[in-house]
Amino acid sequence: MVKGAGCICILLLTMAMMPLQASESDFFPAAVRGWVLDPEAEVYRRDNLYEYIDGASELYISYGFGKLFTRRYQRAGQPEITADLFDMGGPGSAFGIFAHSQEDPGKEIGQDSEYLDGLLRFWQGRYYVSLLCSPETPESRLALMELGRRLAEKIPSAASRPRALSLLPPTGLLAASIRFFQHHAWQNTYIFVSSENVLDIGPDCEAILAKYDQGEQRPVVLLVLYADRAIAKRAFASLCSLFNFPVNGGEAVESADKKYFAAVLEKRIVAAVWHGAGAEQALELLSALQKTMTAFEN
């Protein structure tokens, strides 16, 4: 008995020394500019997310979604505010789901944010947040912005955006075009690559799509960072076979969509460029990518 009691005491002491973990319910303020928090909370997980956002649940799940907390704010004579807090499991997934539909992102709230017609979206740490009030009123806009700021004060931040984004050369980069993902479904966002997972994109790698501004041209860049060099080599060979591209590189080929395709393998990173202007332009952009890839790997 003494031994058992001693173990319990040690357990209680250990628990007391552990830092308290804030509950997601603690993130939500009780009231904002006259809008009062409804006491009822809704929680959704992977197996029932479709009940809340039927038709879009697979998008969130493909980004690693774990749990959704939905709260509502009400004020007499004003439209309801719906606050959705998505736990995406990690900052890469949180950034990825935010960037998936970004149009004109800024830094006013959270680590990246965007406001459009009564919808405020931002990400911070492992969370993606959507605050919606429709129809928008002057009062609701102020309330949404304040609610966003107060939520961001409570949510732990990530150190930074995913490091793999540094692979994108900054000159001409269209920041709003960046897409970051770990599921092959999104490889065809700008250019059709394949209906199959030819690049073996999955949870253990990081994939990036982006467009560049080159006058009348908007070339597309695809980068995939793998955990293992052997997997990267196989993925590169598969990509070259698909586009009839020589594995040794050094040239650009015209693809079915009349854009010039060029690709390169740098240790565990695969990079590809689709450019409408010509082979020389495709290879020039690929060369800029190679420089960032070499610096990243070193």
Protein backbone atom coordinates (compact mmCIF):
# COMPACT_ATOMS: atom_id res chain seq x y z
CA MET A 1 0.00 0.00 0.00
CA VAL A 2 2.79 2.39 0.88
CA LYS A 3 4.49 1.59 -2.39
CA GLY A 4 1.26 2.28 -4.30
CA ALA A 5 0.66 5.52 -2.43
CA GLY A 6 4.21 6.58 -3.17
CA CYS A 7 3.72 5.99 -6.88
CA ILE A 8 0.53 8.06 -6.81
CA CYS A 9 2.35 10.90 -5.06
CA ILE A 10 5.12 10.84 -7.64
CA LEU A 11 2.54 10.82 -10.45
CA LEU A 12 0.68 13.78 -8.94
CA LEU A 13 3.92 15.68 -8.44
CA THR A 14 4.95 15.00 -12.05
CA MET A 15 1.59 16.20 -13.34
CA ALA A 16 1.84 19.35 -11.25
CA MET A 17 5.23 20.12 -12.75
CA MET A 18 4.01 19.70 -16.33
CA PRO A 19 2.98 22.90 -18.17
CA LEU A 20 -0.77 23.27 -18.54
CA GLN A 21 -2.05 22.90 -22.08
CA ALA A 22 -4.57 25.56 -23.07
CA SER A 23 -7.80 24.18 -24.48
CA GLU A 24 -8.97 25.46 -27.85
CA SER A 25 -12.13 26.67 -26.13
CA ASP A 26 -9.94 29.12 -24.19
CA PHE A 27 -8.95 30.82 -27.45
CA PHE A 28 -12.41 32.33 -28.00
CA PRO A 29 -13.22 35.61 -26.20
CA ALA A 30 -16.61 35.82 -24.49
CA ALA A 31 -17.65 38.90 -26.47
CA VAL A 32 -16.36 41.14 -29.27
CA ARG A 33 -17.85 44.59 -30.05
CA GLY A 34 -21.31 43.59 -28.87
CA TRP A 35 -21.25 40.10 -30.39
CA VAL A 36 -21.62 37.51 -27.62
CA LEU A 37 -20.23 33.98 -27.77
CA ASP A 38 -22.86 31.27 -27.92
CA PRO A 39 -22.14 28.77 -25.11
CA GLU A 40 -22.62 25.77 -27.41
CA ALA A 41 -19.53 24.54 -29.25
CA GLU A 42 -19.38 22.17 -32.21
CA VAL A 43 -16.47 19.79 -32.69
CA TYR A 44 -15.81 17.79 -35.85
CA ARG A 45 -13.16 15.20 -36.67
CA ARG A 46 -12.03 13.43 -39.81
CA ASP A 47 -14.86 10.91 -39.72
CA ASN A 48 -17.68 13.49 -39.57
CA LEU A 49 -16.23 16.68 -41.06
CA TYR A 50 -18.44 16.14 -44.11
CA GLU A 51 -21.47 16.86 -41.91
CA TYR A 52 -20.28 20.45 -41.60
CA ILE A 53 -18.59 21.12 -44.94
CA ASP A 54 -19.95 18.47 -47.27
CA GLY A 55 -18.12 18.56 -50.58
CA ALA A 56 -14.96 20.18 -49.18
CA SER A 57 -14.04 17.86 -46.32
CA GLU A 58 -11.58 15.86 -48.48
CA LEU A 59 -9.63 19.04 -49.19
CA TYR A 60 -8.95 19.58 -45.49
CA ILE A 61 -8.27 15.89 -44.85
CA SER A 62 -5.70 15.86 -47.67
CA TYR A 63 -3.83 18.59 -45.77
CA GLY A 64 -3.68 16.58 -42.54
CA PHE A 65 -6.79 17.92 -40.80
CA GLY A 66 -7.29 16.68 -37.25
CA LYS A 67 -10.14 18.56 -35.57
CA LEU A 68 -12.48 21.52 -36.14
CA PHE A 69 -13.86 23.77 -33.40
CA THR A 70 -16.83 25.88 -34.47
CA ARG A 71 -18.19 28.72 -32.33
CA ARG A 72 -20.83 31.34 -33.08
CA TYR A 73 -21.21 34.96 -32.00
CA GLN A 74 -24.52 36.80 -31.98
CA ARG A 75 -25.62 40.43 -31.68
CA ALA A 76 -29.15 41.79 -31.97
CA GLY A 77 -29.79 43.47 -35.31
CA GLN A 78 -26.55 42.13 -36.83
CA PRO A 79 -25.68 38.97 -38.77
CA GLU A 80 -24.16 36.02 -36.93
CA ILE A 81 -20.38 35.51 -36.89
CA THR A 82 -19.17 31.94 -37.41
CA ALA A 83 -15.68 31.18 -36.13
CA ASP A 84 -14.02 27.99 -37.42
CA LEU A 85 -10.75 26.90 -35.85
CA PHE A 86 -9.11 24.04 -37.77
CA ASP A 87 -6.39 22.06 -36.01
CA MET A 88 -4.29 20.97 -39.00
CA GLY A 89 -1.72 19.06 -36.97
CA GLY A 90 1.28 21.21 -37.89
CA PRO A 91 2.30 24.62 -39.29
CA GLY A 92 3.07 23.24 -42.77
CA SER A 93 -0.47 21.92 -43.14
CA ALA A 94 -1.96 25.10 -41.67
CA PHE A 95 -0.04 27.25 -44.14
CA GLY A 96 -0.90 24.85 -46.95
CA ILE A 97 -4.66 25.00 -46.45
CA PHE A 98 -4.50 28.80 -46.15
CA ALA A 99 -2.41 29.14 -49.31
CA HIS A 100 -4.63 26.74 -51.24
CA SER A 101 -7.08 29.54 -52.03
CA GLN A 102 -5.10 32.70 -51.27
CA GLU A 103 -5.59 35.66 -53.61
CA ASP A 104 -4.06 38.71 -51.90
CA PRO A 105 -2.50 37.67 -48.59
CA GLY A 106 -1.13 40.08 -46.01
CA LYS A 107 0.45 40.01 -42.55
CA GLU A 108 -2.07 42.03 -40.55
CA ILE A 109 -3.37 39.08 -38.49
CA GLY A 110 -1.66 35.79 -37.69
CA GLN A 111 1.25 34.61 -39.82
CA ASP A 112 -0.62 35.27 -43.08
CA SER A 113 -4.16 36.62 -43.47
CA GLU A 114 -6.71 37.65 -46.05
CA TYR A 115 -10.02 39.51 -45.84
CA LEU A 116 -12.72 39.55 -48.52
CA ASP A 117 -16.43 40.42 -48.28
CA GLY A 118 -17.14 39.34 -44.73
CA LEU A 119 -14.61 36.49 -44.65
CA LEU A 120 -11.38 36.74 -42.66
CA ARG A 121 -8.93 33.87 -43.04
CA PHE A 122 -5.55 33.41 -41.38
CA TRP A 123 -3.15 30.75 -40.16
CA GLN A 124 -0.97 30.63 -37.10
CA GLY A 125 1.01 27.74 -35.69
CA ARG A 126 -0.84 24.53 -36.45
CA TYR A 127 -4.20 26.28 -36.79
CA TYR A 128 -6.13 27.62 -39.76
CA VAL A 129 -8.90 30.07 -38.86
CA SER A 130 -11.95 31.15 -40.85
CA LEU A 131 -14.23 33.93 -39.54
CA LEU A 132 -17.37 34.55 -41.55
CA CYS A 133 -20.15 37.14 -41.24
CA SER A 134 -22.63 37.41 -44.10
CA PRO A 135 -23.95 39.80 -45.17
CA GLU A 136 -21.07 42.09 -44.24
CA THR A 137 -21.86 45.29 -42.35
CA PRO A 138 -19.48 48.08 -41.26
CA GLU A 139 -19.87 46.89 -37.67
CA SER A 140 -19.28 43.23 -38.50
CA ARG A 141 -16.08 44.01 -40.39
CA LEU A 142 -14.64 45.72 -37.32
CA ALA A 143 -15.78 42.83 -35.15
CA LEU A 144 -14.21 40.23 -37.44
CA MET A 145 -10.88 42.02 -37.44
CA GLU A 146 -10.86 42.39 -33.66
CA LEU A 147 -11.92 38.77 -33.16
CA GLY A 148 -9.11 37.67 -35.48
CA ARG A 149 -6.53 39.70 -33.59
CA ARG A 150 -7.69 38.37 -30.24
CA LEU A 151 -7.62 34.78 -31.45
CA ALA A 152 -4.14 35.29 -32.88
CA GLU A 153 -2.96 36.57 -29.48
CA LYS A 154 -4.02 33.25 -27.92
CA ILE A 155 -2.86 30.80 -30.59
CA PRO A 156 0.79 29.70 -30.35
CA SER A 157 2.84 30.75 -33.38
CA ALA A 158 5.06 28.64 -35.60
CA ALA A 159 8.69 29.67 -35.93
CA SER A 160 8.15 30.59 -39.58
CA ARG A 161 6.68 29.46 -42.87
CA PRO A 162 7.86 26.05 -44.14
CA ARG A 163 11.60 26.27 -44.89
CA ALA A 164 11.07 24.58 -48.27
CA LEU A 165 9.53 27.82 -49.56
CA SER A 166 13.05 29.26 -49.67
CA LEU A 167 13.59 27.06 -52.73
CA LEU A 168 11.57 29.55 -54.78
CA PRO A 169 13.76 32.25 -56.38
CA PRO A 170 12.31 35.63 -55.30
CA THR A 171 12.67 37.51 -58.63
CA GLY A 172 9.30 37.61 -60.37
CA LEU A 173 7.63 35.29 -57.87
CA LEU A 174 3.86 35.81 -57.61
CA ALA A 175 3.45 35.27 -53.86
CA ALA A 176 -0.30 34.71 -54.05
CA SER A 177 0.24 31.83 -56.48
CA ILE A 178 2.22 29.71 -54.01
CA ARG A 179 0.62 26.36 -53.22
CA PHE A 180 2.15 24.05 -50.59
CA PHE A 181 0.88 20.48 -50.29
CA GLN A 182 1.64 16.86 -49.38
CA HIS A 183 -1.01 15.10 -51.47
CA HIS A 184 -0.70 14.44 -55.19
CA ALA A 185 -4.28 15.60 -55.85
CA TRP A 186 -2.97 19.19 -55.99
CA GLN A 187 -0.09 18.63 -58.43
CA ASN A 188 -2.46 19.56 -61.29
CA THR A 189 -3.51 22.93 -59.87
CA TYR A 190 -1.83 24.97 -62.64
CA ILE A 191 -0.50 22.40 -65.09
CA PHE A 192 -1.89 18.92 -65.69
CA VAL A 193 0.88 16.54 -64.68
CA SER A 194 -0.95 13.24 -64.30
CA SER A 195 -4.04 11.68 -62.75
CA GLU A 196 -1.63 9.27 -61.02
CA ASN A 197 0.86 9.95 -58.24
CA VAL A 198 3.84 9.78 -60.59
CA LEU A 199 5.99 11.90 -58.26
CA ASP A 200 5.20 9.82 -55.18
CA ILE A 201 3.98 12.90 -53.30
CA GLY A 202 2.91 12.04 -49.76
CA PRO A 203 3.16 12.95 -46.06
CA ASP A 204 6.94 12.44 -46.00
CA CYS A 205 7.66 15.08 -48.66
CA GLU A 206 6.85 18.72 -49.34
CA ALA A 207 5.54 19.90 -52.71
CA ILE A 208 5.34 23.49 -53.95
CA LEU A 209 3.70 25.08 -56.97
CA ALA A 210 4.15 28.71 -57.95
CA LYS A 211 3.85 31.09 -60.87
CA TYR A 212 6.29 33.76 -61.99
CA ASP A 213 5.65 37.13 -63.58
CA GLN A 214 7.70 37.49 -66.75
CA GLY A 215 5.82 40.10 -68.72
CA GLU A 216 3.21 38.35 -70.84
CA GLN A 217 4.32 34.97 -69.53
CA ARG A 218 3.31 33.20 -66.31
CA PRO A 219 5.62 30.18 -66.15
CA VAL A 220 4.80 27.49 -63.60
CA VAL A 221 7.31 25.92 -61.21
CA LEU A 222 6.89 22.63 -59.37
CA LEU A 223 9.26 21.60 -56.57
CA VAL A 224 9.16 18.42 -54.51
CA LEU A 225 11.42 17.93 -51.51
CA TYR A 226 11.82 14.29 -50.45
CA ALA A 227 13.06 12.79 -47.22
CA ASP A 228 15.14 10.23 -49.12
CA ARG A 229 17.40 10.71 -52.14
CA ALA A 230 16.52 7.32 -53.64
CA ILE A 231 12.81 8.19 -53.72
CA ALA A 232 13.63 11.53 -55.34
CA LYS A 233 15.66 9.75 -58.03
CA ARG A 234 12.78 7.37 -58.82
CA ALA A 235 10.28 10.24 -58.93
CA PHE A 236 12.51 12.22 -61.29
CA ALA A 237 12.87 9.25 -63.63
CA SER A 238 9.09 8.82 -63.64
CA LEU A 239 8.57 12.51 -64.45
CA CYS A 240 11.13 12.40 -67.26
CA SER A 241 9.44 9.35 -68.77
CA LEU A 242 6.05 11.03 -68.62
CA PHE A 243 7.23 14.14 -70.49
CA ASN A 244 9.74 12.39 -72.79
CA PHE A 245 12.51 14.32 -71.12
CA PRO A 246 16.13 13.11 -71.13
CA VAL A 247 17.19 11.98 -67.66
CA ASN A 248 20.56 13.71 -68.03
CA GLY A 249 18.73 17.04 -68.53
CA GLY A 250 20.41 20.02 -70.16
CA GLU A 251 17.58 20.82 -72.56
CA ALA A 252 13.87 21.65 -72.65
CA VAL A 253 11.15 19.78 -74.52
CA GLU A 254 7.79 20.94 -75.81
CA SER A 255 4.91 19.36 -73.91
CA ALA A 256 1.40 18.59 -75.14
CA ASP A 257 0.08 21.97 -73.99
CA LYS A 258 2.68 23.76 -76.17
CA LYS A 259 4.67 24.87 -73.15
CA TYR A 260 8.35 24.06 -72.84
CA PHE A 261 9.19 21.64 -70.06
CA ALA A 262 12.51 21.37 -68.24
CA ALA A 263 13.42 19.52 -65.07
CA VAL A 264 16.34 18.77 -62.78
CA LEU A 265 17.21 16.52 -59.85
CA GLU A 266 19.38 17.98 -57.08
CA LYS A 267 20.11 15.38 -54.38
CA ARG A 268 16.63 14.91 -52.83
CA ILE A 269 14.82 17.73 -54.64
CA VAL A 270 12.98 17.49 -57.96
CA ALA A 271 12.24 20.73 -59.83
CA ALA A 272 10.25 21.24 -63.03
CA VAL A 273 9.39 24.29 -65.13
CA TRP A 274 6.64 24.82 -67.69
CA HIS A 275 7.20 27.95 -69.78
CA GLY A 276 5.17 29.21 -72.72
CA ALA A 277 7.83 31.47 -74.21
CA GLY A 278 10.39 28.91 -75.28
CA ALA A 279 13.12 26.46 -74.35
CA GLU A 280 15.68 29.14 -73.46
CA GLN A 281 13.35 30.85 -70.97
CA ALA A 282 12.43 27.52 -69.37
CA LEU A 283 16.09 26.63 -68.87
CA GLU A 284 16.87 30.10 -67.51
CA LEU A 285 14.24 29.76 -64.80
CA LEU A 286 15.39 26.20 -64.09
CA SER A 287 18.94 27.51 -63.63
CA ALA A 288 17.69 29.98 -61.00
CA LEU A 289 15.96 27.09 -59.23
CA GLN A 290 19.15 25.03 -59.26
CA LYS A 291 20.99 27.80 -57.41
CA THR A 292 18.43 27.89 -54.60
CA MET A 293 18.34 24.08 -54.47
CA THR A 294 22.12 23.85 -54.14
CA ALA A 295 22.13 26.46 -51.38
CA PHE A 296 19.26 24.68 -49.60
CA GLU A 297 20.99 21.31 -49.63
CA ASN A 298 24.30 22.79 -48.50
